[in-house]
N, C-alpha and C. Protein backbone atom coordinates (compact mmCIF):
# COMPACT_ATOMS: atom_id res chain seq x y z
N MET A 1 -1.62 14.48 85.93
CA MET A 1 -2.92 16.46 85.95
C MET A 1 -2.94 16.92 87.11
N VAL A 2 -2.97 16.31 88.21
CA VAL A 2 -2.57 16.68 89.68
C VAL A 2 -1.11 17.29 89.62
N LEU A 3 -0.35 16.78 89.31
CA LEU A 3 0.99 17.33 89.87
C LEU A 3 1.09 17.87 89.01
N ALA A 4 0.81 19.20 87.48
CA ALA A 4 0.76 20.05 86.99
C ALA A 4 0.13 20.63 87.72
N PHE A 5 -0.96 20.59 88.35
CA PHE A 5 -1.90 21.55 89.26
C PHE A 5 -1.25 22.33 90.49
N LEU A 6 -0.98 20.91 90.90
CA LEU A 6 -0.43 21.26 92.60
C LEU A 6 1.15 21.49 92.28
N LEU A 7 1.93 22.07 91.18
CA LEU A 7 3.23 22.24 91.16
C LEU A 7 2.71 23.64 90.22
N LEU A 8 1.78 24.24 89.96
CA LEU A 8 1.52 25.54 88.93
C LEU A 8 0.50 26.68 89.51
N TYR A 9 -0.04 25.65 90.64
CA TYR A 9 -1.03 26.69 90.75
C TYR A 9 -0.70 27.44 92.10
N PRO A 10 0.63 27.95 92.70
CA PRO A 10 1.36 28.93 93.85
C PRO A 10 1.52 29.66 93.01
N LEU A 11 2.33 29.12 91.28
CA LEU A 11 2.69 30.45 90.22
C LEU A 11 1.32 30.91 89.73
N TYR A 12 0.17 30.26 89.26
CA TYR A 12 -1.38 31.56 89.21
C TYR A 12 -1.30 31.94 90.58
N ARG A 13 -1.26 31.82 91.45
CA ARG A 13 -1.61 32.64 92.30
C ARG A 13 -1.00 33.61 93.31
N ILE A 14 0.26 34.64 92.82
CA ILE A 14 0.97 35.23 92.76
C ILE A 14 1.38 35.73 91.20
N GLY A 15 0.56 35.29 90.48
CA GLY A 15 0.04 36.27 88.33
C GLY A 15 1.51 35.76 88.17
N ALA A 16 2.14 34.70 87.97
CA ALA A 16 3.50 34.63 87.56
C ALA A 16 2.83 33.94 85.60
N PHE A 17 2.01 33.33 86.51
CA PHE A 17 1.35 32.42 85.54
C PHE A 17 -0.03 32.68 85.00
N GLY A 18 -0.66 32.14 83.77
CA GLY A 18 -1.76 32.97 84.02
C GLY A 18 -2.40 31.36 83.31
N ALA A 19 -3.85 31.63 83.66
CA ALA A 19 -4.76 30.39 84.24
C ALA A 19 -4.81 29.14 82.43
N GLY A 20 -4.43 30.36 81.76
CA GLY A 20 -4.83 29.62 80.27
C GLY A 20 -3.34 28.68 80.30
N ASP A 21 -1.73 29.12 81.37
CA ASP A 21 -0.88 28.48 81.19
C ASP A 21 -0.98 27.07 81.60
N VAL A 22 -1.75 27.71 83.20
CA VAL A 22 -1.79 25.83 83.89
C VAL A 22 -2.88 24.85 82.69
N LYS A 23 -3.23 25.26 82.59
CA LYS A 23 -4.64 24.65 82.17
C LYS A 23 -3.73 23.90 80.59
N LEU A 24 -2.54 24.54 80.30
CA LEU A 24 -2.31 23.56 79.13
C LEU A 24 -1.17 23.22 79.63
N PHE A 25 -0.43 23.32 81.08
CA PHE A 25 0.20 22.04 81.51
C PHE A 25 -0.54 21.08 82.19
N ILE A 26 -1.96 21.11 82.28
CA ILE A 26 -2.44 20.13 82.65
C ILE A 26 -2.83 19.32 81.85
N LEU A 27 -3.19 19.95 80.89
CA LEU A 27 -3.45 18.67 78.94
C LEU A 27 -2.40 18.46 79.00
N ILE A 28 -1.16 18.79 79.03
CA ILE A 28 0.04 17.95 78.65
C ILE A 28 -0.13 16.70 79.93
N GLY A 29 -0.11 16.86 80.58
CA GLY A 29 -0.14 15.76 82.18
C GLY A 29 -1.19 14.66 81.66
N SER A 30 -2.56 15.34 81.22
CA SER A 30 -3.24 13.91 80.74
C SER A 30 -2.58 12.89 79.43
N PHE A 31 -1.69 13.31 79.08
CA PHE A 31 -1.36 12.72 77.84
C PHE A 31 0.51 12.30 77.73
N GLN A 32 0.85 12.82 79.05
CA GLN A 32 1.86 12.17 78.88
C GLN A 32 2.08 11.66 80.35
N ASN A 33 3.20 10.64 80.73
CA ASN A 33 3.62 10.22 82.48
C ASN A 33 3.74 11.53 83.25
N ALA A 34 4.29 11.30 84.11
CA ALA A 34 4.73 13.05 85.16
C ALA A 34 6.11 12.93 84.86
N GLY A 35 6.80 11.83 84.47
CA GLY A 35 8.19 12.29 84.27
C GLY A 35 8.57 13.25 82.72
N GLU A 36 8.10 12.72 81.61
CA GLU A 36 8.16 13.48 80.64
C GLU A 36 7.46 15.02 81.03
N MET A 37 5.82 15.00 81.45
CA MET A 37 5.45 16.18 81.61
C MET A 37 6.85 17.12 82.62
N MET A 38 7.62 16.82 83.35
CA MET A 38 8.10 17.87 84.22
C MET A 38 9.40 17.75 83.39
N ALA A 39 9.90 17.26 82.35
CA ALA A 39 10.85 17.29 81.14
C ALA A 39 10.24 18.11 80.45
N VAL A 40 8.86 18.36 80.06
CA VAL A 40 8.49 19.41 79.46
C VAL A 40 8.08 21.01 80.20
N LEU A 41 7.91 20.73 81.36
CA LEU A 41 7.73 22.05 82.28
C LEU A 41 9.04 22.96 82.57
N ALA A 42 10.20 22.16 82.37
CA ALA A 42 11.75 21.99 82.97
C ALA A 42 11.82 22.50 81.58
N GLY A 43 11.57 22.43 79.88
CA GLY A 43 12.26 23.05 78.45
C GLY A 43 11.64 24.09 78.86
N ALA A 44 10.33 24.26 79.45
CA ALA A 44 9.47 25.33 78.95
C ALA A 44 10.08 26.61 79.72
N PHE A 45 10.69 26.04 81.27
CA PHE A 45 11.42 27.35 81.73
C PHE A 45 12.27 28.03 81.27
N VAL A 46 13.31 27.09 81.39
CA VAL A 46 14.87 27.17 80.28
C VAL A 46 14.19 28.24 78.95
N ILE A 47 13.32 27.81 78.00
CA ILE A 47 13.04 28.32 76.62
C ILE A 47 12.30 29.79 77.37
N GLY A 48 11.67 29.96 78.13
CA GLY A 48 10.87 30.72 78.68
C GLY A 48 11.38 32.36 78.86
N ALA A 49 12.71 31.80 80.17
CA ALA A 49 13.38 32.57 80.76
C ALA A 49 14.84 32.58 79.35
N GLY A 50 15.12 31.89 77.71
CA GLY A 50 15.77 32.25 77.56
C GLY A 50 14.68 33.87 76.06
N PHE A 51 13.59 33.74 75.96
CA PHE A 51 12.75 34.97 75.97
C PHE A 51 12.45 36.18 75.95
N SER A 52 12.82 35.26 78.09
CA SER A 52 12.76 36.97 78.89
C SER A 52 13.93 37.64 78.40
N LEU A 53 15.03 36.76 78.43
CA LEU A 53 16.22 37.75 77.99
C LEU A 53 16.28 38.67 77.12
N LEU A 54 15.99 38.09 76.21
CA LEU A 54 15.66 38.36 75.03
C LEU A 54 15.06 39.32 74.67
N LYS A 55 13.69 39.84 75.53
CA LYS A 55 12.84 40.79 75.91
C LYS A 55 13.76 41.78 76.39
N LEU A 56 14.62 41.41 77.65
CA LEU A 56 15.22 42.62 78.58
C LEU A 56 16.28 43.36 77.67
N ALA A 57 16.81 42.72 76.84
CA ALA A 57 18.44 42.90 75.82
C ALA A 57 17.23 43.68 74.49
N VAL A 58 16.58 43.74 73.84
CA VAL A 58 15.68 44.24 73.22
C VAL A 58 15.18 45.82 73.47
N GLU A 59 14.39 45.84 74.39
CA GLU A 59 13.78 46.46 75.29
C GLU A 59 14.93 47.15 76.82
N ARG A 60 16.06 46.91 77.00
CA ARG A 60 16.85 47.91 77.24
C ARG A 60 16.18 48.42 78.22
N ASN A 61 15.04 47.50 79.44
CA ASN A 61 14.82 47.43 81.08
C ASN A 61 15.12 46.37 81.77
N GLY A 62 15.71 45.80 82.06
CA GLY A 62 16.57 45.06 82.91
C GLY A 62 17.21 45.12 84.06
N ARG A 63 17.39 47.22 83.66
CA ARG A 63 17.98 46.91 85.89
C ARG A 63 16.42 47.57 86.42
N GLU A 64 15.54 48.19 85.62
CA GLU A 64 14.33 48.24 85.89
C GLU A 64 13.83 47.38 87.19
N ARG A 65 13.65 45.98 85.47
CA ARG A 65 12.95 44.67 86.00
C ARG A 65 13.34 44.29 87.28
N LEU A 66 14.90 43.61 87.82
CA LEU A 66 15.33 43.46 88.22
C LEU A 66 15.08 44.35 89.64
N TYR A 67 15.24 45.16 90.11
CA TYR A 67 14.32 46.87 90.77
C TYR A 67 13.52 46.26 91.19
N TYR A 68 12.49 45.94 90.52
CA TYR A 68 10.98 45.71 90.94
C TYR A 68 10.74 44.68 91.22
N LEU A 69 11.91 43.45 90.75
CA LEU A 69 11.75 41.74 91.36
C LEU A 69 11.94 42.21 93.30
N VAL A 70 13.12 42.86 93.24
CA VAL A 70 14.23 42.78 94.35
C VAL A 70 13.17 43.47 95.40
N SER A 71 12.67 44.62 95.35
CA SER A 71 11.32 45.18 95.46
C SER A 71 10.44 44.29 96.60
N TYR A 72 9.55 43.91 95.22
CA TYR A 72 9.22 42.67 95.12
C TYR A 72 9.60 42.03 96.76
N LEU A 73 10.58 40.72 96.67
CA LEU A 73 10.64 40.08 97.15
C LEU A 73 11.57 41.01 98.64
N GLN A 74 11.39 41.77 98.36
CA GLN A 74 11.76 42.74 100.06
C GLN A 74 10.46 43.05 100.49
N ASP A 75 9.28 43.35 99.89
CA ASP A 75 7.97 43.92 100.52
C ASP A 75 7.54 42.10 101.12
N ILE A 76 7.80 41.20 100.71
CA ILE A 76 7.45 39.33 100.65
C ILE A 76 8.21 39.43 102.12
N ARG A 77 9.00 39.47 102.26
CA ARG A 77 9.83 39.24 103.27
C ARG A 77 9.19 39.93 104.42
N ARG A 78 9.46 41.51 104.11
CA ARG A 78 8.77 42.75 105.36
C ARG A 78 7.70 42.25 105.72
N THR A 79 6.58 42.67 105.10
CA THR A 79 4.92 41.77 105.39
C THR A 79 4.75 40.65 105.44
N GLY A 80 5.17 39.66 104.94
CA GLY A 80 4.96 37.80 105.22
C GLY A 80 3.74 37.41 104.53
N HIS A 81 3.43 38.16 103.75
CA HIS A 81 2.49 38.08 102.92
C HIS A 81 3.02 37.74 101.33
N TRP A 82 2.41 36.83 101.14
CA TRP A 82 2.64 36.90 99.56
C TRP A 82 1.72 37.54 98.77
N LYS A 83 1.89 38.59 97.46
CA LYS A 83 0.66 39.85 96.71
C LYS A 83 0.85 39.18 95.40
N ILE A 84 0.26 39.40 94.17
CA ILE A 84 0.21 39.39 92.94
C ILE A 84 2.03 40.42 92.49
N TYR A 85 2.17 39.40 92.17
CA TYR A 85 3.58 40.01 90.84
C TYR A 85 3.36 41.12 90.25
N GLY A 86 3.68 41.93 90.08
CA GLY A 86 2.93 43.51 89.16
C GLY A 86 2.01 43.75 89.18
N GLY A 87 1.23 43.41 89.93
CA GLY A 87 -0.26 44.28 90.20
C GLY A 87 -0.41 45.53 90.92
N ASN A 88 0.77 46.63 90.76
CA ASN A 88 0.83 47.81 90.59
C ASN A 88 0.24 48.06 89.93
N LEU A 89 0.91 47.34 88.16
CA LEU A 89 1.40 47.96 87.28
C LEU A 89 -0.30 47.70 87.00
N ASN A 90 -1.20 47.53 87.22
CA ASN A 90 -2.38 47.60 86.57
C ASN A 90 -2.95 48.64 86.63
N GLN A 91 -2.42 49.60 86.52
CA GLN A 91 -3.40 50.72 86.57
C GLN A 91 -3.51 50.76 85.07
N ASP A 92 -2.17 51.03 84.04
CA ASP A 92 -1.54 51.46 82.99
C ASP A 92 -0.85 50.13 82.37
N TYR A 93 -2.17 49.31 81.81
CA TYR A 93 -2.36 47.91 80.98
C TYR A 93 -1.47 48.20 80.10
N HIS A 94 -1.17 48.75 79.06
CA HIS A 94 0.59 48.94 78.46
C HIS A 94 1.42 48.47 78.93
N THR A 95 1.82 49.43 79.44
CA THR A 95 2.66 49.01 81.18
C THR A 95 2.94 47.21 81.84
N TYR A 96 2.06 47.03 81.94
CA TYR A 96 1.12 46.14 82.44
C TYR A 96 1.46 44.52 81.55
N CYS A 97 1.66 44.81 80.25
CA CYS A 97 1.36 43.61 79.11
C CYS A 97 2.84 43.64 78.51
N LYS A 98 3.50 45.06 78.87
CA LYS A 98 4.56 44.82 77.88
C LYS A 98 5.54 44.19 79.18
N ASN A 99 5.50 44.35 80.00
CA ASN A 99 6.05 43.64 81.19
C ASN A 99 6.20 42.17 81.07
N LYS A 100 5.38 41.25 80.67
CA LYS A 100 4.81 40.10 80.52
C LYS A 100 5.33 38.98 79.07
N ILE A 101 5.38 38.15 79.21
CA ILE A 101 5.75 37.17 77.86
C ILE A 101 4.85 36.14 77.88
N HIS A 102 4.65 35.55 76.63
CA HIS A 102 3.45 35.05 76.46
C HIS A 102 3.61 33.65 76.73
N PHE A 103 3.65 32.91 77.57
CA PHE A 103 5.01 31.75 78.42
C PHE A 103 3.95 30.62 77.33
N ALA A 104 2.75 30.96 76.04
CA ALA A 104 2.32 29.27 75.93
C ALA A 104 3.28 28.93 74.97
N VAL A 105 3.80 29.67 74.14
CA VAL A 105 4.90 29.62 73.21
C VAL A 105 5.69 29.21 73.31
N PRO A 106 7.36 29.49 74.45
CA PRO A 106 7.89 28.51 75.44
C PRO A 106 7.28 26.66 75.95
N ILE A 107 5.48 27.09 76.43
CA ILE A 107 5.47 26.12 76.31
C ILE A 107 4.87 24.74 75.02
N LEU A 108 5.01 25.61 73.78
CA LEU A 108 4.60 24.83 72.75
C LEU A 108 5.98 24.37 72.24
N PHE A 109 7.29 25.08 72.27
CA PHE A 109 8.41 24.97 71.94
C PHE A 109 8.62 23.20 72.83
N SER A 110 8.41 23.19 73.79
CA SER A 110 9.37 22.38 74.59
C SER A 110 8.92 21.36 74.75
N THR A 111 7.01 21.15 74.55
CA THR A 111 6.34 20.22 74.13
C THR A 111 6.98 19.49 72.81
N VAL A 112 7.35 20.25 71.69
CA VAL A 112 7.52 20.05 70.91
C VAL A 112 9.30 19.36 70.51
N CYS A 113 9.77 19.88 71.05
CA CYS A 113 11.33 18.80 71.46
C CYS A 113 11.51 18.25 72.23
N ARG A 114 10.15 17.59 73.12
CA ARG A 114 10.02 16.74 74.11
C ARG A 114 9.56 15.52 73.17
N ILE A 115 8.75 15.34 72.63
CA ILE A 115 7.94 15.04 71.49
C ILE A 115 9.07 14.69 70.55
N GLY A 116 9.62 15.63 69.87
CA GLY A 116 10.73 14.75 69.04
C GLY A 116 11.84 14.24 69.39
N GLY A 117 12.05 14.27 70.21
CA GLY A 117 13.34 13.53 70.85
C GLY A 117 14.76 14.76 71.43
N LEU A 118 14.54 16.21 70.77
CA LEU A 118 15.83 16.69 71.32
C LEU A 118 16.14 16.55 72.31
N PHE A 119 15.30 16.54 73.72
CA PHE A 119 16.16 16.29 75.20
C PHE A 119 14.94 15.73 75.98
């Protein structure tokens, strides 16, 4: 449980993960050992990447999202301070939600695959 919290808290602080995603991994970590939890975490990232790529292809906004990521990283390098990723999108709730995926689904798929022995 502590490992999941320590690994995911920085991602929560910059807005990459929601509090519910962190709590799900803490829950998974309470029922599985550290190695299994790390396998579920890695699987969730791979499955989530697949979902994200699919979403980018369907919405055809990959260039826009890549431009935002590069400008975000340049801003961090320039200022030396971390900020919330997508923080300036909060003004437009529809755009803010459109550019996110619900990570609980990749966590679920990864957990089921791990318990089922697929990886």
